[in-house]
Amino acid sequence: MSRIGKPPVELPSGVEATISGQTVEVKGPKGTRSFTATDDVTLTLADGAVTVTPRGNSKRARQQWGTSRTQVANLVTGVTNGFKKELEISGVGYRAQMQGSTLKLTLGLSHDVNYEVPEGVTVTTPKATEIVVEGIDQQHVGEVAAKIREWRKPEPYKGKGIKYKDEYIFRKEGKKK
């Protein structure tokens, strides 16, 4: 039995869900999201909660059970609270600023990096060394944050670069004479 798949996904007040076939559509204060489950699971809506149950006892059905339940829970979280990734920039002269829908990064390269922020994701820079990526889709938020971080990953000797706020950089000792 799946420990993740067993509990139903409760719908908080202000959130509506509709199920048509294998597709769940969730509407909330931040927007609308949908997810299409595989044919290995059954989706039901009852008493203000979405329940996911496997069809049969095959290995694939049991795998999709927990996965589908988590996807539906992420839909509900996205339309109520949203998702957020915070990045920190460390290094002399490294900074970021928003110009319209473009993130301008100064990262010690010979040129400034201009990153166009995609639709559905908002990027803000509260300080010159902080970047906050927010949105209702967890996958898009994580992907945008990873692409921004990719421009200058943190290096282990001085710790310079772009890192996630809660990320620990394992530091190495430099050369010895």
Foldseek 3Di string as FASTA:
>chain_A
DDPQLADWQAADPQKDWDDDPQKIWIAHQQGIDMDGADPQWDWDDDPRTIHIDGDDDDPVSVVSRNVVRVVVNLLRCLRYPWDKWKKFFDDPPWFWADDPQWIWTDQPDPDIDTDGQDPQWDWHDPDRGMIMITGSDPVSSVVVLVVQQVVFPQDQDPRGGMDTPPDDRHHDHDDDD
